[in-house]
Every structure is written in structure tokens, then in C-alpha cells.
């Protein structure tokens, strides 16, 4: 299994880090976690359209996690293998109809794609399974709950945000997505053994969260969604904190990093 961190920044692009997106290749099939822009361009430049991507998992509806969706869909059905032009987009259930209308407005209605484009709403619990992987969504708490301003405006927003746990090739991998400052919901993600934990590092303080995950059953930790203080020279500060607290291997992700698991 090969994991590639295509984009490792937070809500802002930097000169060296792009918005959030991670690609998993396993047994001739690809899976994406989040699709921050410019994910389609990154896949094109790195030749990562093959093996074919089968499913996309969106953690929540912030632009830096889904802003590249339209061009991803556009390029997917141009670059994907003709026999494999079937993409399932797993995204918060609150957003399915809005995203469908968005794609229709861009002349990319799912039913008119030269293949199959499925928009699948995600709620907490098992959310996807095929012959390679199974996925479970866990409420992450990043968006809290419904924003009164959205409700008052009659919008669909319900504050849905998820972590995902994948079972692949006999291994368990978790992506935290974005977390609340208190990271209360992280406990459920790490309650059972994980071969790999991919954890964000923008909305939580490393001096608080690293001791918390240090005694959890984690085989290896990947830090991504890197906040400004940990870019450049600050990366060494973050690395020192990891060495101080963690008893298991870790890596601070960068764009284009490849990890064999």
C-alpha cells in the first residue's frame, strides 16, 4: 500500500504546501481523502491518475478540503481508464443536493458523465465498502453543530464533519480530518489499534495532543494539515515535541511525500 500526501497545508496555500488531499493506492486501486485544490493538477503532474481512483472521502465542507472537487470530476472522466470511469464521492449528507446542483451548474450533471459518478451522503457509522476497503465515519466535532446563522437563512448546513477509519489489506488507518480545539472526539478514533494515524496539526495544540496520543495503540503517526507556526524553521520545533512525547515512529508530511505501509 502506498500513501501519498498530495496537499499538506491548512486553509491557506503556501509556497510549499497546498490544500488538503491524500491518495491511497492499494492493490491496483486508488482512494482519495479530501480534495483541496489543486488536486486534479497535482494528479496530472505526478501521473497519479493510474491506478484508477475508485472513491473520494470528504471530511467536511470547508473549501480547503473540497475546493478541488469540480476539476477533479472534470479531469477524472477525461483521464481515467475507460473501463474504470466509476467514482463514488462520499461527503457529508448535508451537502449532497447542493453539490449535485453545483455540478449541474457547471454542465457536469452526474447522470451525464461518461461513466458513473455517485454522490453518497455520509453519516456517522459504516459508510463505504468494496472488495478492497471498508470505511467508517466518526463525528469529529470540528464544526460543532448547526450554525444559527445558517439555520436562520434556511440553509442545509448541519455542522457535519468526520474522521474516517479504513480497513485495508488487513491494516487499520485513521484520518482525523480537522478537529475541535478540545479534540474530544479523537478518543474514539484511537480507541482501537491503528497501524497508521494521519492527524491534522492546525486546530489543536501539539503540546496538548501529542501526550494524549502517546499512550494510544498507534503504529505510526503522520502529521499533516500543517499550521503556519510549524512551517519552515518551526518544523524543527514540532519535530522536537514529537520526539519528546511519542514512543512510536512519526513523520511530518510534505506535499508529494510517499509512505509505504
Protein backbone atom coordinates (compact mmCIF):
# COMPACT_ATOMS: atom_id res chain seq x y z
CA UNK A 1 0.00 0.00 0.00
CA UNK A 2 1.31 3.44 -0.95
CA UNK A 3 0.06 6.63 0.69
CA UNK A 4 0.87 9.98 -0.97
CA UNK A 5 0.18 13.29 0.76
CA UNK A 6 -0.72 15.47 -2.24
CA UNK A 7 -1.55 18.61 -0.19
CA UNK A 8 -0.49 19.23 3.41
CA UNK A 9 -1.33 22.85 4.23
CA UNK A 10 -4.26 24.22 6.22
CA UNK A 11 -6.84 26.66 4.85
CA UNK A 12 -4.21 28.75 3.04
CA UNK A 13 -1.88 27.66 0.29
CA UNK A 14 1.79 28.41 0.86
CA UNK A 15 4.77 28.42 -1.47
CA UNK A 16 5.48 24.81 -0.50
CA UNK A 17 2.17 23.37 0.73
CA UNK A 18 -1.23 23.09 -1.00
CA UNK A 19 -4.71 22.41 0.40
CA UNK A 20 -5.55 19.05 1.96
CA UNK A 21 -5.60 15.88 -0.12
CA UNK A 22 -4.18 12.39 0.41
CA UNK A 23 -4.08 9.49 -2.04
CA UNK A 24 -4.09 5.82 -1.07
CA UNK A 25 -3.02 3.23 -3.64
CA UNK A 26 -3.74 -0.38 -2.78
CA UNK A 27 -3.82 -3.47 -4.98
CA UNK A 28 -4.28 -1.54 -8.23
CA UNK A 29 -6.94 0.88 -6.97
CA UNK A 30 -6.78 4.45 -5.66
CA UNK A 31 -8.75 6.28 -2.96
CA UNK A 32 -8.67 9.98 -2.09
CA UNK A 33 -9.21 11.55 1.30
CA UNK A 34 -10.27 15.19 0.76
CA UNK A 35 -9.78 17.09 -2.48
CA UNK A 36 -8.49 20.55 -1.68
CA UNK A 37 -7.33 22.39 -4.75
CA UNK A 38 -5.41 21.95 -6.97
CA UNK A 39 -5.76 18.19 -6.57
CA UNK A 40 -6.54 17.49 -10.24
CA UNK A 41 -3.47 19.41 -11.38
CA UNK A 42 -1.32 17.60 -8.83
CA UNK A 43 -2.59 14.22 -10.00
CA UNK A 44 -1.89 15.26 -13.60
CA UNK A 45 1.65 16.48 -12.96
CA UNK A 46 2.60 13.44 -10.92
CA UNK A 47 0.92 10.91 -13.22
CA UNK A 48 -1.25 9.63 -10.39
CA UNK A 49 -4.48 9.08 -12.32
CA UNK A 50 -3.45 5.44 -12.56
CA UNK A 51 -4.16 3.09 -10.96
CA UNK A 52 -7.76 4.30 -11.22
CA UNK A 53 -9.32 6.22 -8.33
CA UNK A 54 -12.43 4.46 -7.11
CA UNK A 55 -13.70 6.65 -4.26
CA UNK A 56 -13.27 10.05 -2.62
CA UNK A 57 -13.90 10.66 1.10
CA UNK A 58 -14.55 14.28 2.15
CA UNK A 59 -14.09 15.04 5.85
CA UNK A 60 -16.13 18.26 5.88
CA UNK A 61 -17.41 21.06 3.69
CA UNK A 62 -14.68 23.66 4.06
CA UNK A 63 -13.15 24.91 0.83
CA UNK A 64 -9.64 23.70 1.63
CA UNK A 65 -10.99 20.13 1.84
CA UNK A 66 -13.38 20.07 -1.12
CA UNK A 67 -12.47 23.12 -3.23
CA UNK A 68 -10.90 20.99 -5.97
CA UNK A 69 -13.93 18.74 -6.49
CA UNK A 70 -15.26 20.18 -9.75
CA UNK A 71 -11.98 19.98 -11.65
CA UNK A 72 -11.27 16.58 -10.08
CA UNK A 73 -14.55 15.28 -11.51
CA UNK A 74 -13.89 17.00 -14.84
CA UNK A 75 -10.41 15.55 -15.24
CA UNK A 76 -11.31 12.16 -13.77
CA UNK A 77 -13.66 11.35 -16.62
CA UNK A 78 -11.10 12.54 -19.15
CA UNK A 79 -8.03 10.85 -17.68
CA UNK A 80 -9.47 7.77 -16.01
CA UNK A 81 -9.32 4.38 -17.70
CA UNK A 82 -12.49 3.98 -19.79
CA UNK A 83 -13.39 0.70 -18.12
CA UNK A 84 -12.91 2.26 -14.69
CA UNK A 85 -14.71 5.59 -15.03
CA UNK A 86 -16.75 5.00 -11.91
CA UNK A 87 -16.24 7.35 -8.98
CA UNK A 88 -18.05 7.39 -5.64
CA UNK A 89 -17.84 10.69 -3.77
CA UNK A 90 -18.53 10.16 -0.07
CA UNK A 91 -19.32 13.51 1.51
CA UNK A 92 -21.36 14.83 4.43
CA UNK A 93 -25.02 14.07 3.82
CA UNK A 94 -25.92 17.72 4.41
CA UNK A 95 -24.09 18.68 1.19
CA UNK A 96 -25.19 16.08 -1.37
CA UNK A 97 -28.01 18.04 -3.00
CA UNK A 98 -26.06 21.30 -3.01
CA UNK A 99 -23.04 19.63 -4.65
CA UNK A 100 -25.32 17.97 -7.19
CA UNK A 101 -26.76 21.36 -8.15
CA UNK A 102 -23.25 22.85 -8.26
CA UNK A 103 -22.07 20.20 -10.71
CA UNK A 104 -25.21 20.68 -12.79
CA UNK A 105 -24.48 24.40 -12.99
CA UNK A 106 -21.03 23.54 -14.37
CA UNK A 107 -22.56 21.23 -17.03
CA UNK A 108 -21.26 18.19 -15.18
CA UNK A 109 -24.52 16.62 -14.00
CA UNK A 110 -23.66 13.19 -12.53
CA UNK A 111 -26.12 11.37 -14.76
CA UNK A 112 -24.48 12.85 -17.89
CA UNK A 113 -20.92 11.74 -17.09
CA UNK A 114 -19.37 9.15 -19.48
CA UNK A 115 -19.36 6.59 -16.67
CA UNK A 116 -20.80 6.60 -13.17
CA UNK A 117 -20.48 9.46 -10.70
CA UNK A 118 -22.15 8.67 -7.41
CA UNK A 119 -22.66 11.28 -4.68
CA UNK A 120 -23.07 9.33 -1.45
CA UNK A 121 -24.14 11.04 1.74
CA UNK A 122 -22.16 10.18 4.86
CA UNK A 123 -23.49 9.96 8.39
CA UNK A 124 -21.66 8.50 11.41
CA UNK A 125 -21.05 4.76 11.07
CA UNK A 126 -20.03 2.43 8.23
CA UNK A 127 -20.20 4.46 5.04
CA UNK A 128 -18.43 2.58 2.24
CA UNK A 129 -17.23 -0.91 1.38
CA UNK A 130 -15.87 -2.63 -1.70
CA UNK A 131 -13.57 -5.58 -2.38
CA UNK A 132 -10.50 -3.57 -1.26
CA UNK A 133 -11.51 -1.42 1.70
CA UNK A 134 -14.20 -0.64 4.23
CA UNK A 135 -14.69 2.84 5.70
CA UNK A 136 -16.33 4.07 8.88
CA UNK A 137 -17.13 7.72 9.59
CA UNK A 138 -16.79 9.14 13.10
CA UNK A 139 -18.16 12.56 14.06
CA UNK A 140 -15.10 14.78 14.55
CA UNK A 141 -16.72 17.80 16.21
CA UNK A 142 -14.75 20.28 14.09
CA UNK A 143 -17.82 22.25 13.04
CA UNK A 144 -19.53 21.85 16.38
CA UNK A 145 -23.19 21.81 15.42
CA UNK A 146 -25.61 23.76 13.28
CA UNK A 147 -24.67 27.40 12.95
CA UNK A 148 -27.69 29.53 13.88
CA UNK A 149 -26.91 31.98 11.10
CA UNK A 150 -27.15 29.17 8.54
CA UNK A 151 -30.36 27.82 10.03
CA UNK A 152 -31.93 31.27 10.13
CA UNK A 153 -31.06 31.70 6.45
CA UNK A 154 -32.79 28.42 5.63
CA UNK A 155 -29.56 26.70 4.57
CA UNK A 156 -28.84 22.99 4.81
CA UNK A 157 -25.72 23.26 6.97
CA UNK A 158 -25.84 20.91 9.96
CA UNK A 159 -22.23 21.12 11.17
CA UNK A 160 -21.27 17.69 9.86
CA UNK A 161 -17.56 16.84 9.98
CA UNK A 162 -15.93 13.43 10.09
CA UNK A 163 -12.87 11.39 10.82
CA UNK A 164 -12.53 8.21 8.76
CA UNK A 165 -11.21 4.79 9.72
CA UNK A 166 -10.26 2.50 6.85
CA UNK A 167 -9.59 -1.22 6.92
CA UNK A 168 -7.28 -2.02 4.01
CA UNK A 169 -5.09 -5.06 3.36
CA UNK A 170 -5.61 -6.22 6.94
CA UNK A 171 -4.49 -2.84 8.31
CA UNK A 172 -6.40 -0.07 10.08
CA UNK A 173 -5.71 3.53 9.05
CA UNK A 174 -7.39 6.62 10.53
CA UNK A 175 -7.63 10.14 9.13
CA UNK A 176 -8.72 12.62 11.78
CA UNK A 177 -9.83 15.35 9.40
CA UNK A 178 -10.00 18.68 11.19
CA UNK A 179 -10.67 18.58 14.92
CA UNK A 180 -12.02 21.00 17.52
CA UNK A 181 -9.52 22.69 19.81
CA UNK A 182 -10.52 20.33 22.61
CA UNK A 183 -10.04 17.26 20.34
CA UNK A 184 -12.68 15.50 22.46
CA UNK A 185 -13.76 13.19 19.65
CA UNK A 186 -10.22 12.00 18.90
CA UNK A 187 -10.53 9.44 21.69
CA UNK A 188 -12.98 7.37 19.66
CA UNK A 189 -10.65 7.40 16.65
CA UNK A 190 -7.71 5.98 18.63
CA UNK A 191 -9.66 3.69 20.95
CA UNK A 192 -8.65 0.58 18.99
CA UNK A 193 -5.25 -0.34 17.47
CA UNK A 194 -4.23 1.59 14.36
CA UNK A 195 -1.39 0.79 12.00
CA UNK A 196 -1.35 4.43 10.92
CA UNK A 197 -2.89 7.64 12.27
CA UNK A 198 -2.98 10.65 9.92
CA UNK A 199 -3.65 13.64 12.18
CA UNK A 200 -4.16 17.31 11.45
CA UNK A 201 -1.92 19.90 13.08
CA UNK A 202 -3.70 23.25 12.77
CA UNK A 203 -6.70 23.36 15.11
CA UNK A 204 -5.06 21.52 18.01
CA UNK A 205 -2.01 22.34 20.08
CA UNK A 206 0.81 19.80 19.70
CA UNK A 207 1.87 20.20 23.33
CA UNK A 208 -1.64 19.05 24.32
CA UNK A 209 -2.50 16.42 21.72
CA UNK A 210 0.86 14.62 21.44
CA UNK A 211 0.84 13.45 25.09
CA UNK A 212 -2.78 12.37 24.58
CA UNK A 213 -2.00 10.09 21.61
CA UNK A 214 1.36 8.94 23.00
CA UNK A 215 -0.10 6.05 25.01
CA UNK A 216 -2.68 5.05 22.40
CA UNK A 217 -2.33 1.89 20.24
CA UNK A 218 -0.84 3.62 17.19
CA UNK A 219 1.84 2.06 15.00
CA UNK A 220 2.90 5.25 13.21
CA UNK A 221 1.77 8.90 13.17
CA UNK A 222 1.66 11.21 10.15
CA UNK A 223 1.14 14.91 10.86
CA UNK A 224 -0.49 16.87 8.05
CA UNK A 225 -2.71 19.96 7.58
CA UNK A 226 0.29 21.82 8.96
CA UNK A 227 -0.32 25.19 10.64
CA UNK A 228 1.86 28.24 9.92
CA UNK A 229 3.98 28.05 13.12
CA UNK A 230 5.23 24.62 12.02
CA UNK A 231 6.26 25.64 8.51
CA UNK A 232 9.89 26.42 7.72
CA UNK A 233 12.12 26.66 10.82
CA UNK A 234 9.11 25.91 13.03
CA UNK A 235 9.05 22.37 11.70
CA UNK A 236 12.08 21.57 13.85
CA UNK A 237 10.19 22.78 16.93
CA UNK A 238 7.28 20.49 16.09
CA UNK A 239 9.66 17.61 15.43
CA UNK A 240 11.35 18.10 18.81
CA UNK A 241 7.96 17.97 20.54
CA UNK A 242 7.20 14.71 18.74
CA UNK A 243 10.50 13.20 19.86
CA UNK A 244 9.76 14.34 23.40
CA UNK A 245 6.32 12.79 23.66
CA UNK A 246 5.95 9.93 21.17
CA UNK A 247 7.19 6.38 21.76
CA UNK A 248 6.42 5.30 18.17
CA UNK A 249 7.56 6.49 14.70
CA UNK A 250 6.21 9.71 13.24
CA UNK A 251 6.65 11.85 10.15
CA UNK A 252 5.73 15.46 9.36
CA UNK A 253 4.13 15.29 5.94
CA UNK A 254 5.02 17.46 2.98
CA UNK A 255 3.42 17.72 -0.47
CA UNK A 256 4.31 14.70 -2.57
CA UNK A 257 5.56 12.57 0.33
CA UNK A 258 5.20 8.81 -0.25
CA UNK A 259 4.75 6.36 2.59
CA UNK A 260 4.79 2.57 2.21
CA UNK A 261 2.65 0.70 4.68
